[in-house]
C-alpha atoms as a PDB file:
ATOM      1  CA  UNK A   1     436.013 131.138 -71.647  1.00  0.00           C
ATOM      2  CA  UNK A   2     437.336 131.425 -68.128  1.00  0.00           C
ATOM      3  CA  UNK A   3     440.366 133.219 -69.472  1.00  0.00           C
ATOM      4  CA  UNK A   4     438.151 135.662 -71.405  1.00  0.00           C
ATOM      5  CA  UNK A   5     435.922 136.292 -68.353  1.00  0.00           C
ATOM      6  CA  UNK A   6     439.029 136.893 -66.252  1.00  0.00           C
ATOM      7  CA  UNK A   7     440.359 139.364 -68.808  1.00  0.00           C
ATOM      8  CA  UNK A   8     436.990 141.215 -68.939  1.00  0.00           C
ATOM      9  CA  UNK A   9     436.757 141.288 -65.134  1.00  0.00           C
ATOM     10  CA  UNK A  10     440.307 142.607 -64.904  1.00  0.00           C
ATOM     11  CA  UNK A  11     439.559 145.294 -67.483  1.00  0.00           C
ATOM     12  CA  UNK A  12     436.395 146.382 -65.646  1.00  0.00           C
ATOM     13  CA  UNK A  13     438.234 146.469 -62.328  1.00  0.00           C
ATOM     14  CA  UNK A  14     441.063 148.490 -63.896  1.00  0.00           C
ATOM     15  CA  UNK A  15     438.587 150.927 -65.467  1.00  0.00           C
ATOM     16  CA  UNK A  16     436.701 151.353 -62.171  1.00  0.00           C
ATOM     17  CA  UNK A  17     439.936 151.958 -60.274  1.00  0.00           C
ATOM     18  CA  UNK A  18     441.154 154.473 -62.839  1.00  0.00           C
ATOM     19  CA  UNK A  19     437.802 156.220 -62.796  1.00  0.00           C
ATOM     20  CA  UNK A  20     437.867 156.457 -58.998  1.00  0.00           C
ATOM     21  CA  UNK A  21     441.383 157.814 -59.059  1.00  0.00           C
ATOM     22  CA  UNK A  22     440.488 160.520 -61.599  1.00  0.00           C
ATOM     23  CA  UNK A  23     436.987 161.304 -60.302  1.00  0.00           C
ATOM     24  CA  UNK A  24     436.563 164.991 -61.079  1.00  0.00           C
ATOM     25  CA  UNK A  25     434.056 165.327 -58.222  1.00  0.00           C
ATOM     26  CA  UNK A  26     436.667 164.326 -55.651  1.00  0.00           C
ATOM     27  CA  UNK A  27     438.871 167.137 -54.351  1.00  0.00           C
ATOM     28  CA  UNK A  28     442.299 166.707 -52.734  1.00  0.00           C
ATOM     29  CA  UNK A  29     442.442 166.940 -48.960  1.00  0.00           C
ATOM     30  CA  UNK A  30     442.679 170.641 -48.096  1.00  0.00           C
ATOM     31  CA  UNK A  31     444.707 171.733 -45.074  1.00  0.00           C
ATOM     32  CA  UNK A  32     444.404 175.272 -43.765  1.00  0.00           C
ATOM     33  CA  UNK A  33     444.725 177.111 -40.485  1.00  0.00           C
ATOM     34  CA  UNK A  34     446.348 179.937 -38.590  1.00  0.00           C
ATOM     35  CA  UNK A  35     448.621 180.858 -35.701  1.00  0.00           C
ATOM     36  CA  UNK A  36     448.290 184.007 -33.592  1.00  0.00           C
ATOM     37  CA  UNK A  37     449.986 185.844 -30.737  1.00  0.00           C
ATOM     38  CA  UNK A  38     449.296 189.298 -29.287  1.00  0.00           C
ATOM     39  CA  UNK A  39     450.365 192.055 -26.902  1.00  0.00           C
ATOM     40  CA  UNK A  40     447.799 194.151 -25.028  1.00  0.00           C
ATOM     41  CA  UNK A  41     448.194 197.165 -22.743  1.00  0.00           C
ATOM     42  CA  UNK A  42     445.269 198.597 -20.793  1.00  0.00           C
ATOM     43  CA  UNK A  43     445.893 202.244 -19.894  1.00  0.00           C
ATOM     44  CA  UNK A  44     444.508 201.628 -16.401  1.00  0.00           C
ATOM     45  CA  UNK A  45     447.296 199.041 -16.041  1.00  0.00           C
ATOM     46  CA  UNK A  46     444.860 196.198 -15.304  1.00  0.00           C
ATOM     47  CA  UNK A  47     442.494 194.017 -17.361  1.00  0.00           C
ATOM     48  CA  UNK A  48     439.387 196.123 -17.793  1.00  0.00           C
ATOM     49  CA  UNK A  49     437.324 195.336 -20.899  1.00  0.00           C
ATOM     50  CA  UNK A  50     435.314 192.141 -20.548  1.00  0.00           C
ATOM     51  CA  UNK A  51     435.091 190.944 -24.140  1.00  0.00           C
ATOM     52  CA  UNK A  52     436.854 187.880 -25.508  1.00  0.00           C
ATOM     53  CA  UNK A  53     440.472 186.979 -26.219  1.00  0.00           C
ATOM     54  CA  UNK A  54     442.547 190.198 -25.763  1.00  0.00           C
ATOM     55  CA  UNK A  55     442.561 189.622 -22.011  1.00  0.00           C
ATOM     56  CA  UNK A  56     446.163 189.539 -20.714  1.00  0.00           C
ATOM     57  CA  UNK A  57     447.554 192.850 -19.456  1.00  0.00           C
ATOM     58  CA  UNK A  58     451.010 194.081 -20.521  1.00  0.00           C
ATOM     59  CA  UNK A  59     451.970 190.651 -21.802  1.00  0.00           C
ATOM     60  CA  UNK A  60     453.082 188.985 -25.006  1.00  0.00           C
ATOM     61  CA  UNK A  61     450.546 186.160 -25.003  1.00  0.00           C
ATOM     62  CA  UNK A  62     449.512 183.128 -26.992  1.00  0.00           C
ATOM     63  CA  UNK A  63     446.348 183.228 -29.004  1.00  0.00           C
ATOM     64  CA  UNK A  64     445.853 179.895 -30.745  1.00  0.00           C
ATOM     65  CA  UNK A  65     447.001 177.545 -33.455  1.00  0.00           C
ATOM     66  CA  UNK A  66     444.170 176.292 -35.616  1.00  0.00           C
ATOM     67  CA  UNK A  67     444.253 173.455 -38.165  1.00  0.00           C
ATOM     68  CA  UNK A  68     441.370 172.553 -40.479  1.00  0.00           C
ATOM     69  CA  UNK A  69     440.918 169.585 -42.832  1.00  0.00           C
ATOM     70  CA  UNK A  70     438.390 169.613 -45.680  1.00  0.00           C
ATOM     71  CA  UNK A  71     437.542 167.159 -48.443  1.00  0.00           C
ATOM     72  CA  UNK A  72     434.758 166.557 -50.960  1.00  0.00           C
ATOM     73  CA  UNK A  73     434.074 163.274 -52.702  1.00  0.00           C
ATOM     74  CA  UNK A  74     431.099 163.249 -55.021  1.00  0.00           C
ATOM     75  CA  UNK A  75     428.156 164.678 -53.119  1.00  0.00           C
ATOM     76  CA  UNK A  76     429.683 164.090 -49.690  1.00  0.00           C
ATOM     77  CA  UNK A  77     432.080 166.368 -47.823  1.00  0.00           C
ATOM     78  CA  UNK A  78     433.524 166.797 -44.359  1.00  0.00           C
ATOM     79  CA  UNK A  79     435.230 169.473 -42.260  1.00  0.00           C
ATOM     80  CA  UNK A  80     437.388 168.774 -39.218  1.00  0.00           C
ATOM     81  CA  UNK A  81     438.981 171.687 -37.365  1.00  0.00           C
ATOM     82  CA  UNK A  82     440.912 171.623 -34.097  1.00  0.00           C
ATOM     83  CA  UNK A  83     442.594 174.412 -32.136  1.00  0.00           C
ATOM     84  CA  UNK A  84     445.243 174.630 -29.441  1.00  0.00           C
ATOM     85  CA  UNK A  85     445.884 177.540 -27.096  1.00  0.00           C
ATOM     86  CA  UNK A  86     443.786 179.870 -24.926  1.00  0.00           C
ATOM     87  CA  UNK A  87     441.743 181.590 -27.660  1.00  0.00           C
ATOM     88  CA  UNK A  88     440.560 178.348 -29.191  1.00  0.00           C
ATOM     89  CA  UNK A  89     440.197 176.480 -25.906  1.00  0.00           C
ATOM     90  CA  UNK A  90     439.246 177.709 -22.435  1.00  0.00           C
ATOM     91  CA  UNK A  91     438.651 181.344 -23.454  1.00  0.00           C
ATOM     92  CA  UNK A  92     436.015 180.426 -25.999  1.00  0.00           C
ATOM     93  CA  UNK A  93     434.493 177.180 -24.725  1.00  0.00           C
ATOM     94  CA  UNK A  94     434.000 176.169 -21.077  1.00  0.00           C
ATOM     95  CA  UNK A  95     436.191 173.251 -20.013  1.00  0.00           C
ATOM     96  CA  UNK A  96     433.183 171.651 -18.297  1.00  0.00           C
ATOM     97  CA  UNK A  97     435.295 170.848 -15.257  1.00  0.00           C
ATOM     98  CA  UNK A  98     437.852 168.827 -17.237  1.00  0.00           C
ATOM     99  CA  UNK A  99     441.395 169.611 -16.096  1.00  0.00           C
ATOM    100  CA  UNK A 100     444.350 169.341 -18.412  1.00  0.00           C
ATOM    101  CA  UNK A 101     442.404 170.090 -21.578  1.00  0.00           C
ATOM    102  CA  UNK A 102     444.906 170.696 -24.373  1.00  0.00           C
ATOM    103  CA  UNK A 103     442.763 171.203 -27.467  1.00  0.00           C
ATOM    104  CA  UNK A 104     439.282 172.038 -28.635  1.00  0.00           C
ATOM    105  CA  UNK A 105     437.256 170.878 -31.634  1.00  0.00           C
ATOM    106  CA  UNK A 106     436.085 173.949 -33.531  1.00  0.00           C
ATOM    107  CA  UNK A 107     434.238 172.077 -36.276  1.00  0.00           C
ATOM    108  CA  UNK A 108     433.538 168.408 -36.906  1.00  0.00           C
ATOM    109  CA  UNK A 109     430.751 167.778 -39.394  1.00  0.00           C
ATOM    110  CA  UNK A 110     429.801 166.019 -42.611  1.00  0.00           C
ATOM    111  CA  UNK A 111     427.519 167.203 -45.421  1.00  0.00           C
ATOM    112  CA  UNK A 112     425.668 165.580 -48.275  1.00  0.00           C
ATOM    113  CA  UNK A 113     424.318 167.444 -51.306  1.00  0.00           C
ATOM    114  CA  UNK A 114     421.212 165.573 -52.427  1.00  0.00           C
ATOM    115  CA  UNK A 115     420.793 168.003 -55.339  1.00  0.00           C
ATOM    116  CA  UNK A 116     422.418 171.223 -56.512  1.00  0.00           C
ATOM    117  CA  UNK A 117     419.898 173.069 -54.331  1.00  0.00           C
ATOM    118  CA  UNK A 118     419.343 170.858 -51.270  1.00  0.00           C
ATOM    119  CA  UNK A 119     421.943 169.656 -48.746  1.00  0.00           C
ATOM    120  CA  UNK A 120     422.091 168.424 -45.154  1.00  0.00           C
ATOM    121  CA  UNK A 121     424.839 168.769 -42.548  1.00  0.00           C
ATOM    122  CA  UNK A 122     425.316 167.030 -39.207  1.00  0.00           C
ATOM    123  CA  UNK A 123     427.929 167.458 -36.491  1.00  0.00           C
ATOM    124  CA  UNK A 124     429.519 170.225 -34.426  1.00  0.00           C
ATOM    125  CA  UNK A 125     429.645 173.567 -36.213  1.00  0.00           C
ATOM    126  CA  UNK A 126     430.735 177.149 -35.683  1.00  0.00           C
ATOM    127  CA  UNK A 127     427.549 179.063 -34.983  1.00  0.00           C
ATOM    128  CA  UNK A 128     425.621 180.717 -37.805  1.00  0.00           C
ATOM    129  CA  UNK A 129     424.649 183.566 -35.442  1.00  0.00           C
ATOM    130  CA  UNK A 130     426.605 186.827 -35.465  1.00  0.00           C
ATOM    131  CA  UNK A 131     429.206 188.721 -37.471  1.00  0.00           C
ATOM    132  CA  UNK A 132     432.438 187.678 -35.738  1.00  0.00           C
ATOM    133  CA  UNK A 133     434.005 184.244 -35.193  1.00  0.00           C
ATOM    134  CA  UNK A 134     436.550 182.572 -32.898  1.00  0.00           C
ATOM    135  CA  UNK A 135     439.425 182.382 -35.395  1.00  0.00           C
ATOM    136  CA  UNK A 136     441.080 185.797 -35.884  1.00  0.00           C
ATOM    137  CA  UNK A 137     441.445 185.071 -39.600  1.00  0.00           C
ATOM    138  CA  UNK A 138     437.678 185.519 -39.968  1.00  0.00           C
ATOM    139  CA  UNK A 139     437.627 188.899 -38.185  1.00  0.00           C
ATOM    140  CA  UNK A 140     438.999 192.306 -39.101  1.00  0.00           C
ATOM    141  CA  UNK A 141     439.431 193.533 -35.512  1.00  0.00           C
ATOM    142  CA  UNK A 142     441.445 191.481 -33.037  1.00  0.00           C
ATOM    143  CA  UNK A 143     439.450 192.228 -29.899  1.00  0.00           C
ATOM    144  CA  UNK A 144     435.841 191.115 -30.198  1.00  0.00           C
ATOM    145  CA  UNK A 145     432.460 192.775 -29.782  1.00  0.00           C
ATOM    146  CA  UNK A 146     430.161 192.459 -26.777  1.00  0.00           C
ATOM    147  CA  UNK A 147     427.613 190.829 -29.104  1.00  0.00           C
ATOM    148  CA  UNK A 148     430.105 188.107 -30.040  1.00  0.00           C
ATOM    149  CA  UNK A 149     431.202 187.417 -26.470  1.00  0.00           C
ATOM    150  CA  UNK A 150     427.647 186.981 -25.200  1.00  0.00           C
ATOM    151  CA  UNK A 151     426.213 185.023 -28.121  1.00  0.00           C
ATOM    152  CA  UNK A 152     426.575 181.342 -28.995  1.00  0.00           C
ATOM    153  CA  UNK A 153     429.979 180.166 -30.254  1.00  0.00           C
ATOM    154  CA  UNK A 154     429.079 176.743 -31.630  1.00  0.00           C
ATOM    155  CA  UNK A 155     426.074 174.540 -32.364  1.00  0.00           C
ATOM    156  CA  UNK A 156     425.939 170.746 -32.445  1.00  0.00           C
ATOM    157  CA  UNK A 157     423.077 169.285 -34.441  1.00  0.00           C
ATOM    158  CA  UNK A 158     421.670 168.642 -37.876  1.00  0.00           C
ATOM    159  CA  UNK A 159     420.565 171.225 -40.421  1.00  0.00           C
ATOM    160  CA  UNK A 160     419.092 171.308 -43.915  1.00  0.00           C
ATOM    161  CA  UNK A 161     419.733 174.048 -46.481  1.00  0.00           C
ATOM    162  CA  UNK A 162     417.740 174.786 -49.614  1.00  0.00           C
ATOM    163  CA  UNK A 163     418.993 177.275 -52.205  1.00  0.00           C
ATOM    164  CA  UNK A 164     416.068 178.770 -54.102  1.00  0.00           C
ATOM    165  CA  UNK A 165     418.617 180.564 -56.287  1.00  0.00           C
ATOM    166  CA  UNK A 166     422.132 181.928 -55.972  1.00  0.00           C
ATOM    167  CA  UNK A 167     420.533 184.958 -54.269  1.00  0.00           C
ATOM    168  CA  UNK A 168     418.194 183.316 -51.756  1.00  0.00           C
ATOM    169  CA  UNK A 169     418.594 180.292 -49.455  1.00  0.00           C
ATOM    170  CA  UNK A 170     416.986 178.977 -46.279  1.00  0.00           C
ATOM    171  CA  UNK A 171     418.518 176.843 -43.520  1.00  0.00           C
ATOM    172  CA  UNK A 172     416.653 175.151 -40.669  1.00  0.00           C
ATOM    173  CA  UNK A 173     417.971 172.754 -38.031  1.00  0.00           C
ATOM    174  CA  UNK A 174     417.740 171.148 -34.607  1.00  0.00           C
ATOM    175  CA  UNK A 175     420.631 171.649 -32.180  1.00  0.00           C
ATOM    176  CA  UNK A 176     421.908 170.959 -28.681  1.00  0.00           C
ATOM    177  CA  UNK A 177     422.140 173.774 -26.167  1.00  0.00           C
ATOM    178  CA  UNK A 178     424.742 176.493 -26.811  1.00  0.00           C
ATOM    179  CA  UNK A 179     428.375 175.341 -27.174  1.00  0.00           C
ATOM    180  CA  UNK A 180     427.661 171.764 -26.115  1.00  0.00           C
ATOM    181  CA  UNK A 181     429.205 168.651 -27.666  1.00  0.00           C
ATOM    182  CA  UNK A 182     426.470 166.541 -26.098  1.00  0.00           C
ATOM    183  CA  UNK A 183     422.925 167.430 -25.051  1.00  0.00           C
ATOM    184  CA  UNK A 184     422.407 166.951 -21.313  1.00  0.00           C
ATOM    185  CA  UNK A 185     418.737 167.883 -21.672  1.00  0.00           C
ATOM    186  CA  UNK A 186     418.218 166.470 -25.148  1.00  0.00           C
ATOM    187  CA  UNK A 187     418.178 168.357 -28.445  1.00  0.00           C
ATOM    188  CA  UNK A 188     416.716 171.637 -27.234  1.00  0.00           C
ATOM    189  CA  UNK A 189     417.298 174.331 -29.866  1.00  0.00           C
ATOM    190  CA  UNK A 190     415.663 175.208 -33.161  1.00  0.00           C
ATOM    191  CA  UNK A 191     417.644 177.382 -35.543  1.00  0.00           C
ATOM    192  CA  UNK A 192     417.022 178.965 -38.919  1.00  0.00           C
ATOM    193  CA  UNK A 193     418.795 181.298 -41.320  1.00  0.00           C
ATOM    194  CA  UNK A 194     417.476 183.191 -44.328  1.00  0.00           C
ATOM    195  CA  UNK A 195     420.191 184.389 -46.712  1.00  0.00           C
ATOM    196  CA  UNK A 196     419.581 186.988 -49.404  1.00  0.00           C
ATOM    197  CA  UNK A 197     422.120 188.497 -51.797  1.00  0.00           C
ATOM    198  CA  UNK A 198     420.200 191.248 -53.635  1.00  0.00           C
ATOM    199  CA  UNK A 199     423.106 192.572 -55.682  1.00  0.00           C
ATOM    200  CA  UNK A 200     426.737 191.691 -56.303  1.00  0.00           C
ATOM    201  CA  UNK A 201     428.854 192.430 -53.240  1.00  0.00           C
ATOM    202  CA  UNK A 202     425.912 192.588 -50.831  1.00  0.00           C
ATOM    203  CA  UNK A 203     424.639 189.707 -48.692  1.00  0.00           C
ATOM    204  CA  UNK A 204     422.421 189.598 -45.609  1.00  0.00           C
ATOM    205  CA  UNK A 205     421.602 186.828 -43.105  1.00  0.00           C
ATOM    206  CA  UNK A 206     418.570 186.829 -40.817  1.00  0.00           C
ATOM    207  CA  UNK A 207     419.179 184.326 -38.015  1.00  0.00           C
ATOM    208  CA  UNK A 208     417.010 182.727 -35.326  1.00  0.00           C
ATOM    209  CA  UNK A 209     418.096 180.441 -32.486  1.00  0.00           C
ATOM    210  CA  UNK A 210     415.662 179.487 -29.752  1.00  0.00           C
ATOM    211  CA  UNK A 211     415.908 176.967 -26.917  1.00  0.00           C
ATOM    212  CA  UNK A 212     418.323 176.189 -24.075  1.00  0.00           C
ATOM    213  CA  UNK A 213     420.980 178.889 -23.797  1.00  0.00           C
ATOM    214  CA  UNK A 214     424.430 179.101 -22.184  1.00  0.00           C
ATOM    215  CA  UNK A 215     422.864 179.909 -18.794  1.00  0.00           C
ATOM    216  CA  UNK A 216     420.808 176.733 -18.499  1.00  0.00           C
ATOM    217  CA  UNK A 217     417.506 178.485 -19.190  1.00  0.00           C
ATOM    218  CA  UNK A 218     415.544 179.076 -22.381  1.00  0.00           C
ATOM    219  CA  UNK A 219     415.880 182.068 -24.619  1.00  0.00           C
ATOM    220  CA  UNK A 220     415.679 183.326 -28.179  1.00  0.00           C
ATOM    221  CA  UNK A 221     418.299 185.104 -30.289  1.00  0.00           C
ATOM    222  CA  UNK A 222     417.252 187.184 -33.301  1.00  0.00           C
ATOM    223  CA  UNK A 223     420.226 188.325 -35.321  1.00  0.00           C
ATOM    224  CA  UNK A 224     420.823 190.263 -38.543  1.00  0.00           C
ATOM    225  CA  UNK A 225     424.253 190.137 -40.178  1.00  0.00           C
ATOM    226  CA  UNK A 226     424.976 191.942 -43.423  1.00  0.00           C
ATOM    227  CA  UNK A 227     427.951 193.187 -45.405  1.00  0.00           C
ATOM    228  CA  UNK A 228     428.271 195.301 -48.535  1.00  0.00           C
ATOM    229  CA  UNK A 229     431.423 195.798 -50.593  1.00  0.00           C
ATOM    230  CA  UNK A 230     430.590 199.347 -51.675  1.00  0.00           C
ATOM    231  CA  UNK A 231     433.726 199.812 -53.769  1.00  0.00           C
ATOM    232  CA  UNK A 232     436.846 197.767 -54.367  1.00  0.00           C
ATOM    233  CA  UNK A 233     438.410 199.410 -51.296  1.00  0.00           C
ATOM    234  CA  UNK A 234     435.462 200.287 -49.030  1.00  0.00           C
ATOM    235  CA  UNK A 235     433.286 197.779 -47.141  1.00  0.00           C
ATOM    236  CA  UNK A 236     430.391 198.257 -44.698  1.00  0.00           C
ATOM    237  CA  UNK A 237     429.196 195.605 -42.255  1.00  0.00           C
ATOM    238  CA  UNK A 238     426.351 195.574 -39.742  1.00  0.00           C
ATOM    239  CA  UNK A 239     425.286 193.239 -36.924  1.00  0.00           C
ATOM    240  CA  UNK A 240     422.019 193.778 -35.023  1.00  0.00           C
ATOM    241  CA  UNK A 241     421.003 191.303 -32.326  1.00  0.00           C
ATOM    242  CA  UNK A 242     418.461 190.770 -29.567  1.00  0.00           C
ATOM    243  CA  UNK A 243     418.561 187.976 -26.984  1.00  0.00           C
ATOM    244  CA  UNK A 244     415.608 187.517 -24.633  1.00  0.00           C
ATOM    245  CA  UNK A 245     415.561 184.849 -21.940  1.00  0.00           C
ATOM    246  CA  UNK A 246     412.350 183.085 -20.966  1.00  0.00           C
ATOM    247  CA  UNK A 247     409.728 185.025 -19.016  1.00  0.00           C
ATOM    248  CA  UNK A 248     410.666 183.325 -15.732  1.00  0.00           C
ATOM    249  CA  UNK A 249     414.393 184.035 -16.160  1.00  0.00           C
ATOM    250  CA  UNK A 250     414.399 187.659 -17.419  1.00  0.00           C
ATOM    251  CA  UNK A 251     417.503 189.327 -18.769  1.00  0.00           C
ATOM    252  CA  UNK A 252     419.336 189.063 -22.055  1.00  0.00           C
ATOM    253  CA  UNK A 253     420.845 191.737 -24.267  1.00  0.00           C
ATOM    254  CA  UNK A 254     420.302 193.885 -27.332  1.00  0.00           C
ATOM    255  CA  UNK A 255     422.645 195.920 -29.464  1.00  0.00           C
ATOM    256  CA  UNK A 256     424.298 196.615 -32.756  1.00  0.00           C
ATOM    257  CA  UNK A 257     427.756 196.909 -34.276  1.00  0.00           C
ATOM    258  CA  UNK A 258     428.755 198.861 -37.404  1.00  0.00           C
ATOM    259  CA  UNK A 259     431.928 197.915 -39.297  1.00  0.00           C
ATOM    260  CA  UNK A 260     433.649 200.318 -41.708  1.00  0.00           C
ATOM    261  CA  UNK A 261     436.787 199.214 -43.580  1.00  0.00           C
ATOM    262  CA  UNK A 262     438.843 201.197 -46.094  1.00  0.00           C
ATOM    263  CA  UNK A 263     441.788 199.966 -48.148  1.00  0.00           C
ATOM    264  CA  UNK A 264     444.612 202.532 -48.025  1.00  0.00           C
ATOM    265  CA  UNK A 265     447.143 200.618 -50.132  1.00  0.00           C
ATOM    266  CA  UNK A 266     447.290 197.099 -51.537  1.00  0.00           C
ATOM    267  CA  UNK A 267     448.853 195.906 -48.257  1.00  0.00           C
ATOM    268  CA  UNK A 268     447.314 198.204 -45.633  1.00  0.00           C
ATOM    269  CA  UNK A 269     443.768 199.031 -44.577  1.00  0.00           C
ATOM    270  CA  UNK A 270     441.959 200.663 -41.646  1.00  0.00           C
ATOM    271  CA  UNK A 271     438.755 199.520 -39.997  1.00  0.00           C
ATOM    272  CA  UNK A 272     436.482 201.130 -37.421  1.00  0.00           C
ATOM    273  CA  UNK A 273     433.969 199.160 -35.348  1.00  0.00           C
ATOM    274  CA  UNK A 274     431.363 201.104 -33.402  1.00  0.00           C
ATOM    275  CA  UNK A 275     429.132 199.132 -31.027  1.00  0.00           C
ATOM    276  CA  UNK A 276     426.225 199.749 -28.667  1.00  0.00           C
ATOM    277  CA  UNK A 277     425.376 196.964 -26.213  1.00  0.00           C
ATOM    278  CA  UNK A 278     422.710 196.880 -23.485  1.00  0.00           C
ATOM    279  CA  UNK A 279     422.172 194.248 -20.808  1.00  0.00           C
ATOM    280  CA  UNK A 280     418.469 193.715 -20.185  1.00  0.00           C
ATOM    281  CA  UNK A 281     417.045 194.065 -16.696  1.00  0.00           C
ATOM    282  CA  UNK A 282     414.366 192.272 -14.726  1.00  0.00           C
ATOM    283  CA  UNK A 283     414.426 190.407 -11.446  1.00  0.00           C
ATOM    284  CA  UNK A 284     416.944 187.906 -12.815  1.00  0.00           C
ATOM    285  CA  UNK A 285     418.890 190.129 -15.186  1.00  0.00           C
ATOM    286  CA  UNK A 286     422.534 189.222 -15.804  1.00  0.00           C
ATOM    287  CA  UNK A 287     425.767 191.198 -15.717  1.00  0.00           C
ATOM    288  CA  UNK A 288     427.238 190.484 -19.159  1.00  0.00           C
ATOM    289  CA  UNK A 289     430.921 191.279 -19.807  1.00  0.00           C
ATOM    290  CA  UNK A 290     430.792 193.786 -16.941  1.00  0.00           C
ATOM    291  CA  UNK A 291     427.569 195.444 -18.159  1.00  0.00           C
ATOM    292  CA  UNK A 292     425.020 195.353 -15.322  1.00  0.00           C
ATOM    293  CA  UNK A 293     421.273 194.831 -15.920  1.00  0.00           C
ATOM    294  CA  UNK A 294     419.581 197.887 -17.469  1.00  0.00           C
ATOM    295  CA  UNK A 295     423.007 199.398 -18.225  1.00  0.00           C
ATOM    296  CA  UNK A 296     424.775 199.846 -21.555  1.00  0.00           C
ATOM    297  CA  UNK A 297     428.190 200.397 -23.094  1.00  0.00           C
ATOM    298  CA  UNK A 298     429.385 202.099 -26.271  1.00  0.00           C
ATOM    299  CA  UNK A 299     432.685 200.956 -27.755  1.00  0.00           C
ATOM    300  CA  UNK A 300     434.850 202.203 -30.622  1.00  0.00           C
ATOM    301  CA  UNK A 301     437.691 200.073 -31.989  1.00  0.00           C
ATOM    302  CA  UNK A 302     440.123 201.344 -34.627  1.00  0.00           C
ATOM    303  CA  UNK A 303     442.231 198.578 -36.206  1.00  0.00           C
ATOM    304  CA  UNK A 304     444.811 198.433 -38.943  1.00  0.00           C
ATOM    305  CA  UNK A 305     445.551 195.409 -41.119  1.00  0.00           C
ATOM    306  CA  UNK A 306     449.094 195.342 -42.500  1.00  0.00           C
ATOM    307  CA  UNK A 307     449.635 192.308 -44.716  1.00  0.00           C
ATOM    308  CA  UNK A 308     452.788 190.592 -45.952  1.00  0.00           C
ATOM    309  CA  UNK A 309     451.959 187.321 -47.669  1.00  0.00           C
ATOM    310  CA  UNK A 310     450.101 185.135 -45.182  1.00  0.00           C
ATOM    311  CA  UNK A 311     451.133 187.377 -42.279  1.00  0.00           C
ATOM    312  CA  UNK A 312     448.834 190.122 -40.914  1.00  0.00           C
ATOM    313  CA  UNK A 313     449.800 192.679 -38.248  1.00  0.00           C
ATOM    314  CA  UNK A 314     446.792 194.151 -36.421  1.00  0.00           C
ATOM    315  CA  UNK A 315     447.557 197.284 -34.362  1.00  0.00           C
ATOM    316  CA  UNK A 316     444.436 198.372 -32.475  1.00  0.00           C
ATOM    317  CA  UNK A 317     443.146 201.142 -30.221  1.00  0.00           C
ATOM    318  CA  UNK A 318     439.903 200.576 -28.307  1.00  0.00           C
ATOM    319  CA  UNK A 319     437.794 203.032 -26.278  1.00  0.00           C
ATOM    320  CA  UNK A 320     434.784 201.825 -24.241  1.00  0.00           C
ATOM    321  CA  UNK A 321     432.346 204.043 -22.364  1.00  0.00           C
ATOM    322  CA  UNK A 322     429.582 202.721 -20.089  1.00  0.00           C
ATOM    323  CA  UNK A 323     426.370 204.254 -18.798  1.00  0.00           C
ATOM    324  CA  UNK A 324     427.553 203.137 -15.350  1.00  0.00           C
ATOM    325  CA  UNK A 325     430.982 202.946 -13.704  1.00  0.00           C
ATOM    326  CA  UNK A 326     431.785 199.401 -14.819  1.00  0.00           C
ATOM    327  CA  UNK A 327     435.527 199.893 -15.349  1.00  0.00           C
ATOM    328  CA  UNK A 328     438.437 200.636 -13.005  1.00  0.00           C
ATOM    329  CA  UNK A 329     441.014 203.410 -12.859  1.00  0.00           C
ATOM    330  CA  UNK A 330     444.668 202.722 -12.103  1.00  0.00           C
ATOM    331  CA  UNK A 331     444.027 203.498  -8.407  1.00  0.00           C
ATOM    332  CA  UNK A 332     441.174 200.973  -8.267  1.00  0.00           C
ATOM    333  CA  UNK A 333     438.265 203.426  -8.189  1.00  0.00           C
ATOM    334  CA  UNK A 334     435.324 202.895 -10.531  1.00  0.00           C
ATOM    335  CA  UNK A 335     434.972 204.824 -13.763  1.00  0.00           C
ATOM    336  CA  UNK A 336     432.710 204.843 -16.806  1.00  0.00           C
ATOM    337  CA  UNK A 337     435.453 204.547 -19.435  1.00  0.00           C
ATOM    338  CA  UNK A 338     438.337 202.283 -20.384  1.00  0.00           C
ATOM    339  CA  UNK A 339     440.912 202.209 -23.159  1.00  0.00           C
ATOM    340  CA  UNK A 340     443.483 199.743 -24.412  1.00  0.00           C
ATOM    341  CA  UNK A 341     446.079 199.194 -27.128  1.00  0.00           C
ATOM    342  CA  UNK A 342     446.901 195.836 -28.673  1.00  0.00           C
ATOM    343  CA  UNK A 343     449.117 194.443 -31.396  1.00  0.00           C
ATOM    344  CA  UNK A 344     448.317 191.030 -32.829  1.00  0.00           C
ATOM    345  CA  UNK A 345     450.307 188.911 -35.274  1.00  0.00           C
ATOM    346  CA  UNK A 346     448.239 186.449 -37.314  1.00  0.00           C
ATOM    347  CA  UNK A 347     449.620 184.012 -39.874  1.00  0.00           C
ATOM    348  CA  UNK A 348     447.139 182.177 -42.092  1.00  0.00           C
ATOM    349  CA  UNK A 349     448.083 179.139 -44.184  1.00  0.00           C
END
């Protein structure tokens, strides 16, 4: 009898182990990422345009190396993503006074799908607000918009998502203040996102984030992000956003960016980003990326994407024009306009 029980137990254990090893709901560990470097030349021969990442003048400069790990087992999944280099470190997230920082966590979160429609996620996540992201792989243009630079980059917290259908979903969550691993003043933000996909190739996201902002006060961001693949070669994107600080603080911003992208050949495409950005006034209005309170800037960025396997070359011309003299000429005098050229090399794996 003991021998028979031992044989049955061994068989069950073997079957369980085999089942676990061949579980169709478990995916292999996925490793992805990117590396990037760039050259930028401002025609005034000095750094002039105050948006993110393409900052160094007349220099071949490091961008970042980014590595992401992903895995799903049953209903549970996780994402861990870390970056090294200026773009993924000090240029996108404050060092909080820590010297010698050598890396930054871009994403570190776990999710659980309770049903096919309802899931929850907790951890540190790239923000759901806005059209552009930190990693250049997720953007068409290399230099970033004023809306991106002045919005949140990341949110730490917990969120729940319910998919009413494959065309409509709603997310709601509680988060720390902007870009903060830990909440110094407690969990202080509420966020929500409504996603609709009316037709194939078209999706839109209406986003809300309210609570403690990057300036230590309270404010609310309302953001609309949408993209439509009009034809196989032509895509249109739009980002509209408004950020208002609390009544006592004043300031904030409003603006919009239009993205037009056209495939020329199978390996080459052109994209134009046009943006209008205004810094709000008031007694405590802020100068944002060089834009003074009650002033605005209009920017046009023409970028090419030349692809060869995982490698993408991004040549780019950018022209910015302000309602005030927020830029500098070569001789140091103020002017309303600035222009720059950049060439970025991005490899995605």
